[in-house]
Amino acid sequence: MAGFTIDEFIGGGASADVFRAHRDDGSGPVALKVLHPNASDHARVRERFEREYGIASLLHHPHIVTMHSHGEIETPRGSAHRPTLWLAMQYVPGPSATALVSPADDEPNVDAILRVAAQIADALDHAHRQEIIHRDVKPGNILLSRPVGPDTDDDTPVDALLSDFGIAQFLDDTRPLARNGRVQGSIGYASPELLQAQRLTPATDIYAFACTLVELFTGVPPYPRHTSFAITYAHLHADPPKLTRRRPWLPSAMDSIFAKALAKSPADRYRTCTELVDILTRLLRDVPVPEAPARSRWWGRLRQP
């Protein structure tokens, strides 16, 4: 389709599927995102497709997924189906950063997390300098350069790329942040100002980035509640979590660092994502990670610098 040959299905959701493909001219693999022609709320999803390409294509950074091209396949005249929209982007062979989220009976891979965090922090800060806010930072939107797990023997360092700019916006964008009373974004990582449809700034992404790091270090996001309402209430009113209660071996300073990163007021947070990561890197440099019974040989290899 559209000058591409599909190699394999990668994954999909309610509105689109993603395939590994290659161009018919013989160039390297790409990730091809294809909108379902009859997806519900087609107009909204089409807008998200166009926004993802339009904004992400302005950002040139080694840790942001590169956009290559986009288009649509017209349907035959008289057909009841809508045109099929597609995006061709950089193919990233690894899983999302959710693969680095360790269960409660294991310990986090601190070296890999800090490496990924530094790269994504630099990517976000770059976007912010271009006056672009991502608005949906979470482990699922961070892609890893290679698979991780017990079935791989690859010892190369893991790199990360920021993806999915489908609800990103420019700082001066005045369009409503909510649709039909519902805020766009992932509730588990949403800042108080995003949940209240207030003006957004780079601090909004810093909050979501901090939520992501909490999950990578402790295995769960800041406010693991059973309902969206309860999670929203916690973002707005609950004290930031104490990471040392989840991982007692973490330095006590982690609690104050994330209290600042997850401050309710945007003005009280760190100025940049890199500032947050630099502080964490210095703090954790000589902190030993305890060996957990469930730790496997591949996890130890992944921690190698």
C-alpha atoms as a PDB file:
ATOM      1  CA  MET A   1       0.000   0.000   0.000  1.00  0.00           C
ATOM      2  CA  ALA A   2       1.121   3.575  -0.752  1.00  0.00           C
ATOM      3  CA  GLY A   3       4.578   2.411  -1.882  1.00  0.00           C
ATOM      4  CA  PHE A   4       5.117   0.155   1.137  1.00  0.00           C
ATOM      5  CA  THR A   5       5.148  -3.594   1.629  1.00  0.00           C
ATOM      6  CA  ILE A   6       3.919  -4.876   4.971  1.00  0.00           C
ATOM      7  CA  ASP A   7       6.375  -7.180   6.773  1.00  0.00           C
ATOM      8  CA  GLU A   8       4.562  -7.899  10.031  1.00  0.00           C
ATOM      9  CA  PHE A   9       1.867  -6.679  12.387  1.00  0.00           C
ATOM     10  CA  ILE A  10       3.307  -4.920  15.467  1.00  0.00           C
ATOM     11  CA  GLY A  11       0.211  -3.966  17.406  1.00  0.00           C
ATOM     12  CA  GLY A  12      -2.997  -2.022  17.327  1.00  0.00           C
ATOM     13  CA  GLY A  13      -5.821  -0.396  19.184  1.00  0.00           C
ATOM     14  CA  ALA A  14      -9.344   0.881  18.763  1.00  0.00           C
ATOM     15  CA  SER A  15      -8.484   3.399  16.055  1.00  0.00           C
ATOM     16  CA  ALA A  16      -5.279   2.263  14.323  1.00  0.00           C
ATOM     17  CA  ASP A  17      -2.874  -0.598  13.652  1.00  0.00           C
ATOM     18  CA  VAL A  18       0.913  -0.440  13.436  1.00  0.00           C
ATOM     19  CA  PHE A  19       2.966  -2.560  11.041  1.00  0.00           C
ATOM     20  CA  ARG A  20       6.625  -3.079  10.331  1.00  0.00           C
ATOM     21  CA  ALA A  21       7.009  -2.331   6.638  1.00  0.00           C
ATOM     22  CA  HIS A  22       9.615  -1.467   4.047  1.00  0.00           C
ATOM     23  CA  ARG A  23       9.516   0.906   1.127  1.00  0.00           C
ATOM     24  CA  ASP A  24       9.167  -0.595  -2.298  1.00  0.00           C
ATOM     25  CA  ASP A  25      12.331   1.275  -3.301  1.00  0.00           C
ATOM     26  CA  GLY A  26      14.301  -1.087  -1.044  1.00  0.00           C
ATOM     27  CA  SER A  27      15.125   1.346   1.757  1.00  0.00           C
ATOM     28  CA  GLY A  28      15.130   0.301   5.395  1.00  0.00           C
ATOM     29  CA  PRO A  29      12.184  -0.655   7.598  1.00  0.00           C
ATOM     30  CA  VAL A  30       9.602   1.829   8.843  1.00  0.00           C
ATOM     31  CA  ALA A  31       6.754   1.713  11.312  1.00  0.00           C
ATOM     32  CA  LEU A  32       3.516   2.220   9.409  1.00  0.00           C
ATOM     33  CA  LYS A  33       0.533   3.406  11.447  1.00  0.00           C
ATOM     34  CA  VAL A  34      -2.754   2.890   9.609  1.00  0.00           C
ATOM     35  CA  LEU A  35      -6.046   4.401  10.726  1.00  0.00           C
ATOM     36  CA  HIS A  36      -9.037   2.087  10.743  1.00  0.00           C
ATOM     37  CA  PRO A  37     -11.289   3.458   7.960  1.00  0.00           C
ATOM     38  CA  ASN A  38     -14.432   3.161  10.052  1.00  0.00           C
ATOM     39  CA  ALA A  39     -12.979   4.014  13.451  1.00  0.00           C
ATOM     40  CA  SER A  40     -15.455   5.592  15.803  1.00  0.00           C
ATOM     41  CA  ASP A  41     -15.042   9.358  16.132  1.00  0.00           C
ATOM     42  CA  HIS A  42     -13.186   9.360  12.832  1.00  0.00           C
ATOM     43  CA  ALA A  43     -12.866  13.155  12.733  1.00  0.00           C
ATOM     44  CA  ARG A  44     -11.115  13.285  16.111  1.00  0.00           C
ATOM     45  CA  VAL A  45      -8.733  10.470  15.215  1.00  0.00           C
ATOM     46  CA  ARG A  46      -7.968  12.085  11.858  1.00  0.00           C
ATOM     47  CA  GLU A  47      -7.109  15.315  13.665  1.00  0.00           C
ATOM     48  CA  ARG A  48      -4.825  13.368  16.008  1.00  0.00           C
ATOM     49  CA  PHE A  49      -3.057  11.719  13.039  1.00  0.00           C
ATOM     50  CA  GLU A  50      -2.476  15.055  11.350  1.00  0.00           C
ATOM     51  CA  ARG A  51      -1.328  16.647  14.601  1.00  0.00           C
ATOM     52  CA  GLU A  52       1.110  13.804  15.318  1.00  0.00           C
ATOM     53  CA  TYR A  53       2.742  14.177  11.923  1.00  0.00           C
ATOM     54  CA  GLY A  54       2.649  17.966  11.811  1.00  0.00           C
ATOM     55  CA  ILE A  55       4.188  18.529  15.238  1.00  0.00           C
ATOM     56  CA  ALA A  56       6.610  15.589  15.418  1.00  0.00           C
ATOM     57  CA  SER A  57       8.004  16.375  11.959  1.00  0.00           C
ATOM     58  CA  LEU A  58       9.212  19.732  13.343  1.00  0.00           C
ATOM     59  CA  LEU A  59      11.344  18.018  15.973  1.00  0.00           C
ATOM     60  CA  HIS A  60      14.744  16.672  14.965  1.00  0.00           C
ATOM     61  CA  HIS A  61      16.371  14.911  17.880  1.00  0.00           C
ATOM     62  CA  PRO A  62      18.132  11.533  18.228  1.00  0.00           C
ATOM     63  CA  HIS A  63      15.680  10.469  20.939  1.00  0.00           C
ATOM     64  CA  ILE A  64      12.434  11.500  19.240  1.00  0.00           C
ATOM     65  CA  VAL A  65      10.854   9.138  16.719  1.00  0.00           C
ATOM     66  CA  THR A  66      11.387  10.586  13.234  1.00  0.00           C
ATOM     67  CA  MET A  67       8.405  11.146  10.959  1.00  0.00           C
ATOM     68  CA  HIS A  68       9.020  10.204   7.317  1.00  0.00           C
ATOM     69  CA  SER A  69       5.804  10.743   5.387  1.00  0.00           C
ATOM     70  CA  HIS A  70       2.029  10.540   5.586  1.00  0.00           C
ATOM     71  CA  GLY A  71      -0.933  10.291   3.271  1.00  0.00           C
ATOM     72  CA  GLU A  72      -4.222   8.598   2.601  1.00  0.00           C
ATOM     73  CA  ILE A  73      -5.554   5.912   0.328  1.00  0.00           C
ATOM     74  CA  GLU A  74      -8.729   6.974  -1.422  1.00  0.00           C
ATOM     75  CA  THR A  75     -11.644   4.563  -1.557  1.00  0.00           C
ATOM     76  CA  PRO A  76     -13.508   3.782  -4.784  1.00  0.00           C
ATOM     77  CA  ARG A  77     -16.178   6.300  -5.725  1.00  0.00           C
ATOM     78  CA  GLY A  78     -19.464   5.398  -4.127  1.00  0.00           C
ATOM     79  CA  SER A  79     -17.849   3.340  -1.378  1.00  0.00           C
ATOM     80  CA  ALA A  80     -19.238   3.706   2.143  1.00  0.00           C
ATOM     81  CA  HIS A  81     -15.720   3.535   3.594  1.00  0.00           C
ATOM     82  CA  ARG A  82     -13.679   6.615   4.453  1.00  0.00           C
ATOM     83  CA  PRO A  83     -10.154   7.158   3.089  1.00  0.00           C
ATOM     84  CA  THR A  84      -7.437   5.206   4.927  1.00  0.00           C
ATOM     85  CA  LEU A  85      -4.908   7.496   6.594  1.00  0.00           C
ATOM     86  CA  TRP A  86      -1.353   6.350   7.232  1.00  0.00           C
ATOM     87  CA  LEU A  87       1.858   7.604   8.851  1.00  0.00           C
ATOM     88  CA  ALA A  88       5.335   6.267   8.082  1.00  0.00           C
ATOM     89  CA  MET A  89       7.845   6.819  10.866  1.00  0.00           C
ATOM     90  CA  GLN A  90      11.126   5.552  12.249  1.00  0.00           C
ATOM     91  CA  TYR A  91      11.000   1.878  13.134  1.00  0.00           C
ATOM     92  CA  VAL A  92      12.135   1.157  16.691  1.00  0.00           C
ATOM     93  CA  PRO A  93      12.691  -2.591  17.203  1.00  0.00           C
ATOM     94  CA  GLY A  94      12.339  -2.771  20.978  1.00  0.00           C
ATOM     95  CA  PRO A  95       9.304  -2.671  23.263  1.00  0.00           C
ATOM     96  CA  SER A  96       8.026   0.326  25.189  1.00  0.00           C
ATOM     97  CA  ALA A  97       9.603   1.364  28.488  1.00  0.00           C
ATOM     98  CA  THR A  98       6.931  -0.618  30.324  1.00  0.00           C
ATOM     99  CA  ALA A  99       9.427  -3.470  29.852  1.00  0.00           C
ATOM    100  CA  LEU A 100      11.613  -1.726  32.447  1.00  0.00           C
ATOM    101  CA  VAL A 101       8.857  -1.659  35.068  1.00  0.00           C
ATOM    102  CA  SER A 102       9.854  -4.304  37.579  1.00  0.00           C
ATOM    103  CA  PRO A 103       7.315  -6.228  39.694  1.00  0.00           C
ATOM    104  CA  ALA A 104       7.067  -5.837  43.443  1.00  0.00           C
ATOM    105  CA  ASP A 105       9.216  -8.928  44.101  1.00  0.00           C
ATOM    106  CA  ASP A 106      12.093  -7.676  41.933  1.00  0.00           C
ATOM    107  CA  GLU A 107      14.202  -4.540  41.925  1.00  0.00           C
ATOM    108  CA  PRO A 108      14.501  -1.840  39.257  1.00  0.00           C
ATOM    109  CA  ASN A 109      17.364  -1.681  36.806  1.00  0.00           C
ATOM    110  CA  VAL A 110      18.642   1.688  38.015  1.00  0.00           C
ATOM    111  CA  ASP A 111      21.405   2.058  35.420  1.00  0.00           C
ATOM    112  CA  ALA A 112      19.065   1.418  32.494  1.00  0.00           C
ATOM    113  CA  ILE A 113      16.341   3.661  33.953  1.00  0.00           C
ATOM    114  CA  LEU A 114      18.742   6.572  34.428  1.00  0.00           C
ATOM    115  CA  ARG A 115      20.106   6.142  30.901  1.00  0.00           C
ATOM    116  CA  VAL A 116      16.611   6.118  29.404  1.00  0.00           C
ATOM    117  CA  ALA A 117      15.537   8.999  31.645  1.00  0.00           C
ATOM    118  CA  ALA A 118      18.457  11.192  30.552  1.00  0.00           C
ATOM    119  CA  GLN A 119      17.704  10.609  26.883  1.00  0.00           C
ATOM    120  CA  ILE A 120      13.965  11.271  27.201  1.00  0.00           C
ATOM    121  CA  ALA A 121      14.607  14.315  29.402  1.00  0.00           C
ATOM    122  CA  ASP A 122      16.816  15.772  26.674  1.00  0.00           C
ATOM    123  CA  ALA A 123      14.144  15.003  24.065  1.00  0.00           C
ATOM    124  CA  LEU A 124      11.419  16.706  26.108  1.00  0.00           C
ATOM    125  CA  ASP A 125      13.578  19.730  26.854  1.00  0.00           C
ATOM    126  CA  HIS A 126      14.292  20.013  23.118  1.00  0.00           C
ATOM    127  CA  ALA A 127      10.564  19.963  22.358  1.00  0.00           C
ATOM    128  CA  HIS A 128       9.963  22.608  25.027  1.00  0.00           C
ATOM    129  CA  ARG A 129      12.601  24.871  23.479  1.00  0.00           C
ATOM    130  CA  GLN A 130      10.574  24.602  20.270  1.00  0.00           C
ATOM    131  CA  GLU A 131       7.513  25.629  22.325  1.00  0.00           C
ATOM    132  CA  ILE A 132       5.913  22.195  21.979  1.00  0.00           C
ATOM    133  CA  ILE A 133       4.297  20.290  24.860  1.00  0.00           C
ATOM    134  CA  HIS A 134       3.943  16.518  24.478  1.00  0.00           C
ATOM    135  CA  ARG A 135       0.991  16.164  26.918  1.00  0.00           C
ATOM    136  CA  ASP A 136       1.091  12.354  27.091  1.00  0.00           C
ATOM    137  CA  VAL A 137       4.434  11.330  28.583  1.00  0.00           C
ATOM    138  CA  LYS A 138       4.254   7.801  30.002  1.00  0.00           C
ATOM    139  CA  PRO A 139       6.207   4.522  29.768  1.00  0.00           C
ATOM    140  CA  GLY A 140       4.015   3.309  26.912  1.00  0.00           C
ATOM    141  CA  ASN A 141       5.081   6.278  24.754  1.00  0.00           C
ATOM    142  CA  ILE A 142       8.796   5.685  25.286  1.00  0.00           C
ATOM    143  CA  LEU A 143      10.229   3.115  22.859  1.00  0.00           C
ATOM    144  CA  LEU A 144      13.391   1.112  23.503  1.00  0.00           C
ATOM    145  CA  SER A 145      16.029   0.460  20.869  1.00  0.00           C
ATOM    146  CA  ARG A 146      16.087  -3.292  21.386  1.00  0.00           C
ATOM    147  CA  PRO A 147      14.104  -6.042  23.062  1.00  0.00           C
ATOM    148  CA  VAL A 148      14.854  -6.794  26.701  1.00  0.00           C
ATOM    149  CA  GLY A 149      14.085  -9.950  28.580  1.00  0.00           C
ATOM    150  CA  PRO A 150      15.272 -13.453  29.327  1.00  0.00           C
ATOM    151  CA  ASP A 151      15.312 -14.462  25.651  1.00  0.00           C
ATOM    152  CA  THR A 152      17.886 -11.926  24.505  1.00  0.00           C
ATOM    153  CA  ASP A 153      21.660 -12.119  24.894  1.00  0.00           C
ATOM    154  CA  ASP A 154      22.287  -8.608  23.571  1.00  0.00           C
ATOM    155  CA  ASP A 155      24.615  -6.703  25.913  1.00  0.00           C
ATOM    156  CA  THR A 156      24.496  -3.370  24.058  1.00  0.00           C
ATOM    157  CA  PRO A 157      23.137  -0.410  26.047  1.00  0.00           C
ATOM    158  CA  VAL A 158      19.431   0.278  25.687  1.00  0.00           C
ATOM    159  CA  ASP A 159      18.488   3.598  24.109  1.00  0.00           C
ATOM    160  CA  ALA A 160      15.085   5.291  24.164  1.00  0.00           C
ATOM    161  CA  LEU A 161      12.951   7.366  21.807  1.00  0.00           C
ATOM    162  CA  LEU A 162       9.931   9.516  22.632  1.00  0.00           C
ATOM    163  CA  SER A 163       6.882   8.736  20.492  1.00  0.00           C
ATOM    164  CA  ASP A 164       3.195   9.612  19.969  1.00  0.00           C
ATOM    165  CA  PHE A 165       2.688  13.341  19.599  1.00  0.00           C
ATOM    166  CA  GLY A 166      -0.985  12.804  18.805  1.00  0.00           C
ATOM    167  CA  ILE A 167      -2.248  15.219  21.467  1.00  0.00           C
ATOM    168  CA  ALA A 168       0.801  17.482  21.582  1.00  0.00           C
ATOM    169  CA  GLN A 169       0.271  21.215  21.321  1.00  0.00           C
ATOM    170  CA  PHE A 170       2.114  24.479  20.900  1.00  0.00           C
ATOM    171  CA  LEU A 171       2.467  26.710  23.934  1.00  0.00           C
ATOM    172  CA  ASP A 172       0.297  29.399  22.346  1.00  0.00           C
ATOM    173  CA  ASP A 173      -2.453  26.949  21.319  1.00  0.00           C
ATOM    174  CA  THR A 174      -5.756  28.279  22.698  1.00  0.00           C
ATOM    175  CA  ARG A 175      -8.022  25.436  21.608  1.00  0.00           C
ATOM    176  CA  PRO A 176     -10.012  23.736  24.379  1.00  0.00           C
ATOM    177  CA  LEU A 177      -8.093  21.088  26.307  1.00  0.00           C
ATOM    178  CA  ALA A 178     -11.203  19.006  27.006  1.00  0.00           C
ATOM    179  CA  ARG A 179     -13.813  17.444  24.760  1.00  0.00           C
ATOM    180  CA  ASN A 180     -17.314  16.861  26.061  1.00  0.00           C
ATOM    181  CA  GLY A 181     -16.025  17.314  29.595  1.00  0.00           C
ATOM    182  CA  ARG A 182     -13.255  14.735  29.164  1.00  0.00           C
ATOM    183  CA  VAL A 183      -9.600  15.726  29.305  1.00  0.00           C
ATOM    184  CA  GLN A 184      -7.325  14.214  26.665  1.00  0.00           C
ATOM    185  CA  GLY A 185      -4.346  12.393  28.136  1.00  0.00           C
ATOM    186  CA  SER A 186      -3.479   9.434  30.330  1.00  0.00           C
ATOM    187  CA  ILE A 187      -5.002   9.956  33.784  1.00  0.00           C
ATOM    188  CA  GLY A 188      -2.271   8.110  35.674  1.00  0.00           C
ATOM    189  CA  TYR A 189       0.347  10.643  34.516  1.00  0.00           C
ATOM    190  CA  ALA A 190      -1.784  13.781  34.194  1.00  0.00           C
ATOM    191  CA  SER A 191      -0.835  16.976  35.997  1.00  0.00           C
ATOM    192  CA  PRO A 192      -3.358  18.926  38.079  1.00  0.00           C
ATOM    193  CA  GLU A 193      -3.476  21.742  35.515  1.00  0.00           C
ATOM    194  CA  LEU A 194      -4.153  19.280  32.703  1.00  0.00           C
ATOM    195  CA  LEU A 195      -6.949  17.620  34.665  1.00  0.00           C
ATOM    196  CA  GLN A 196      -8.509  21.012  35.362  1.00  0.00           C
ATOM    197  CA  ALA A 197      -8.210  22.172  31.717  1.00  0.00           C
ATOM    198  CA  GLN A 198      -5.960  25.065  32.709  1.00  0.00           C
ATOM    199  CA  ARG A 199      -3.111  26.625  30.757  1.00  0.00           C
ATOM    200  CA  LEU A 200      -0.322  24.169  30.059  1.00  0.00           C
ATOM    201  CA  THR A 201       3.422  24.786  30.168  1.00  0.00           C
ATOM    202  CA  PRO A 202       6.557  22.603  29.973  1.00  0.00           C
ATOM    203  CA  ALA A 203       5.977  21.931  33.690  1.00  0.00           C
ATOM    204  CA  THR A 204       3.002  19.801  32.594  1.00  0.00           C
ATOM    205  CA  ASP A 205       5.363  17.401  30.829  1.00  0.00           C
ATOM    206  CA  ILE A 206       7.803  17.540  33.751  1.00  0.00           C
ATOM    207  CA  TYR A 207       5.016  16.302  36.030  1.00  0.00           C
ATOM    208  CA  ALA A 208       4.127  13.431  33.672  1.00  0.00           C
ATOM    209  CA  PHE A 209       7.816  12.590  33.275  1.00  0.00           C
ATOM    210  CA  ALA A 210       8.162  12.434  37.063  1.00  0.00           C
ATOM    211  CA  CYS A 211       5.119  10.126  37.225  1.00  0.00           C
ATOM    212  CA  THR A 212       6.818   7.917  34.649  1.00  0.00           C
ATOM    213  CA  LEU A 213      10.012   7.764  36.703  1.00  0.00           C
ATOM    214  CA  VAL A 214       8.050   6.882  39.840  1.00  0.00           C
ATOM    215  CA  GLU A 215       6.630   3.892  37.992  1.00  0.00           C
ATOM    216  CA  LEU A 216      10.004   2.822  36.600  1.00  0.00           C
ATOM    217  CA  PHE A 217      11.648   3.003  40.037  1.00  0.00           C
ATOM    218  CA  THR A 218       8.835   1.511  42.131  1.00  0.00           C
ATOM    219  CA  GLY A 219       6.740  -0.632  39.781  1.00  0.00           C
ATOM    220  CA  VAL A 220       3.546   1.465  40.019  1.00  0.00           C
ATOM    221  CA  PRO A 221       2.612   5.056  39.100  1.00  0.00           C
ATOM    222  CA  PRO A 222       2.299   7.705  41.830  1.00  0.00           C
ATOM    223  CA  TYR A 223      -1.369   7.172  42.596  1.00  0.00           C
ATOM    224  CA  PRO A 224      -2.460   3.557  41.961  1.00  0.00           C
ATOM    225  CA  ARG A 225      -6.185   3.828  42.592  1.00  0.00           C
ATOM    226  CA  HIS A 226      -9.081   1.681  41.358  1.00  0.00           C
ATOM    227  CA  THR A 227     -11.050   4.322  39.457  1.00  0.00           C
ATOM    228  CA  SER A 228     -10.276   7.286  37.207  1.00  0.00           C
ATOM    229  CA  PHE A 229     -12.101   9.544  39.645  1.00  0.00           C
ATOM    230  CA  ALA A 230      -9.916   8.392  42.542  1.00  0.00           C
ATOM    231  CA  ILE A 231      -6.734   8.854  40.509  1.00  0.00           C
ATOM    232  CA  THR A 232      -7.827  12.329  39.458  1.00  0.00           C
ATOM    233  CA  TYR A 233      -8.638  13.280  43.049  1.00  0.00           C
ATOM    234  CA  ALA A 234      -5.213  12.073  44.179  1.00  0.00           C
ATOM    235  CA  HIS A 235      -3.411  14.131  41.526  1.00  0.00           C
ATOM    236  CA  LEU A 236      -5.314  17.180  42.708  1.00  0.00           C
ATOM    237  CA  HIS A 237      -5.244  16.699  46.478  1.00  0.00           C
ATOM    238  CA  ALA A 238      -3.075  13.810  47.739  1.00  0.00           C
ATOM    239  CA  ASP A 239       0.479  14.236  48.966  1.00  0.00           C
ATOM    240  CA  PRO A 240       3.147  12.958  46.559  1.00  0.00           C
ATOM    241  CA  PRO A 241       4.063   9.331  47.276  1.00  0.00           C
ATOM    242  CA  LYS A 242       7.110   8.464  49.339  1.00  0.00           C
ATOM    243  CA  LEU A 243       9.232   6.227  47.163  1.00  0.00           C
ATOM    244  CA  THR A 244      11.105   4.909  50.193  1.00  0.00           C
ATOM    245  CA  ARG A 245       7.929   3.206  51.390  1.00  0.00           C
ATOM    246  CA  ARG A 246       7.847   1.215  48.158  1.00  0.00           C
ATOM    247  CA  ARG A 247      11.616   0.651  47.894  1.00  0.00           C
ATOM    248  CA  PRO A 248      13.110   1.060  51.400  1.00  0.00           C
ATOM    249  CA  TRP A 249      16.681   0.946  50.085  1.00  0.00           C
ATOM    250  CA  LEU A 250      16.211   4.150  48.078  1.00  0.00           C
ATOM    251  CA  PRO A 251      17.833   7.248  49.630  1.00  0.00           C
ATOM    252  CA  SER A 252      15.445   9.359  51.696  1.00  0.00           C
ATOM    253  CA  ALA A 253      16.245  12.338  49.462  1.00  0.00           C
ATOM    254  CA  MET A 254      14.221  10.626  46.701  1.00  0.00           C
ATOM    255  CA  ASP A 255      11.060  11.551  48.601  1.00  0.00           C
ATOM    256  CA  SER A 256      11.825  15.263  48.620  1.00  0.00           C
ATOM    257  CA  ILE A 257      13.008  15.213  45.005  1.00  0.00           C
ATOM    258  CA  PHE A 258       9.738  13.738  43.786  1.00  0.00           C
ATOM    259  CA  ALA A 259       7.716  15.929  46.137  1.00  0.00           C
ATOM    260  CA  LYS A 260       9.098  18.869  44.155  1.00  0.00           C
ATOM    261  CA  ALA A 261       8.734  17.174  40.750  1.00  0.00           C
ATOM    262  CA  LEU A 262       5.094  16.320  41.545  1.00  0.00           C
ATOM    263  CA  ALA A 263       4.190  19.652  43.124  1.00  0.00           C
ATOM    264  CA  LYS A 264       0.569  20.657  42.548  1.00  0.00           C
ATOM    265  CA  SER A 265       1.634  24.099  41.337  1.00  0.00           C
ATOM    266  CA  PRO A 266       3.623  24.128  38.071  1.00  0.00           C
ATOM    267  CA  ALA A 267       5.798  26.972  39.391  1.00  0.00           C
ATOM    268  CA  ASP A 268       7.060  24.774  42.233  1.00  0.00           C
ATOM    269  CA  ARG A 269       8.452  21.999  39.988  1.00  0.00           C
ATOM    270  CA  TYR A 270      11.905  21.665  38.441  1.00  0.00           C
ATOM    271  CA  ARG A 271      12.672  24.008  35.563  1.00  0.00           C
ATOM    272  CA  THR A 272      13.599  21.239  33.114  1.00  0.00           C
ATOM    273  CA  CYS A 273      13.431  17.483  32.845  1.00  0.00           C
ATOM    274  CA  THR A 274      17.221  17.327  32.622  1.00  0.00           C
ATOM    275  CA  GLU A 275      17.562  19.142  35.940  1.00  0.00           C
ATOM    276  CA  LEU A 276      15.478  16.421  37.590  1.00  0.00           C
ATOM    277  CA  VAL A 277      17.478  13.585  36.013  1.00  0.00           C
ATOM    278  CA  ASP A 278      20.835  15.173  36.858  1.00  0.00           C
ATOM    279  CA  ILE A 279      19.858  15.351  40.539  1.00  0.00           C
ATOM    280  CA  LEU A 280      18.696  11.724  40.529  1.00  0.00           C
ATOM    281  CA  THR A 281      21.859  10.567  38.761  1.00  0.00           C
ATOM    282  CA  ARG A 282      24.122  12.219  41.332  1.00  0.00           C
ATOM    283  CA  LEU A 283      22.050  10.864  44.211  1.00  0.00           C
ATOM    284  CA  LEU A 284      21.948   7.270  42.960  1.00  0.00           C
ATOM    285  CA  ARG A 285      25.520   7.042  41.664  1.00  0.00           C
ATOM    286  CA  ASP A 286      26.859   5.009  44.593  1.00  0.00           C
ATOM    287  CA  VAL A 287      23.645   3.495  45.923  1.00  0.00           C
ATOM    288  CA  PRO A 288      23.742  -0.331  45.774  1.00  0.00           C
ATOM    289  CA  VAL A 289      20.648  -2.069  44.464  1.00  0.00           C
ATOM    290  CA  PRO A 290      19.812  -5.120  46.569  1.00  0.00           C
ATOM    291  CA  GLU A 291      19.681  -8.463  44.849  1.00  0.00           C
ATOM    292  CA  ALA A 292      16.143  -9.822  44.691  1.00  0.00           C
ATOM    293  CA  PRO A 293      15.398 -13.574  44.606  1.00  0.00           C
ATOM    294  CA  ALA A 294      13.519 -13.155  41.344  1.00  0.00           C
ATOM    295  CA  ARG A 295      16.372 -11.266  39.654  1.00  0.00           C
ATOM    296  CA  SER A 296      17.479 -13.191  36.583  1.00  0.00           C
ATOM    297  CA  ARG A 297      20.745 -13.307  34.680  1.00  0.00           C
ATOM    298  CA  TRP A 298      19.449 -11.161  31.795  1.00  0.00           C
ATOM    299  CA  TRP A 299      18.454  -8.337  34.190  1.00  0.00           C
ATOM    300  CA  GLY A 300      21.991  -8.213  35.513  1.00  0.00           C
ATOM    301  CA  ARG A 301      23.383  -8.059  31.982  1.00  0.00           C
ATOM    302  CA  LEU A 302      21.023  -5.216  31.122  1.00  0.00           C
ATOM    303  CA  ARG A 303      22.486  -3.181  33.993  1.00  0.00           C
ATOM    304  CA  GLN A 304      25.974  -3.239  32.491  1.00  0.00           C
ATOM    305  CA  PRO A 305      27.116   0.282  31.399  1.00  0.00           C
END
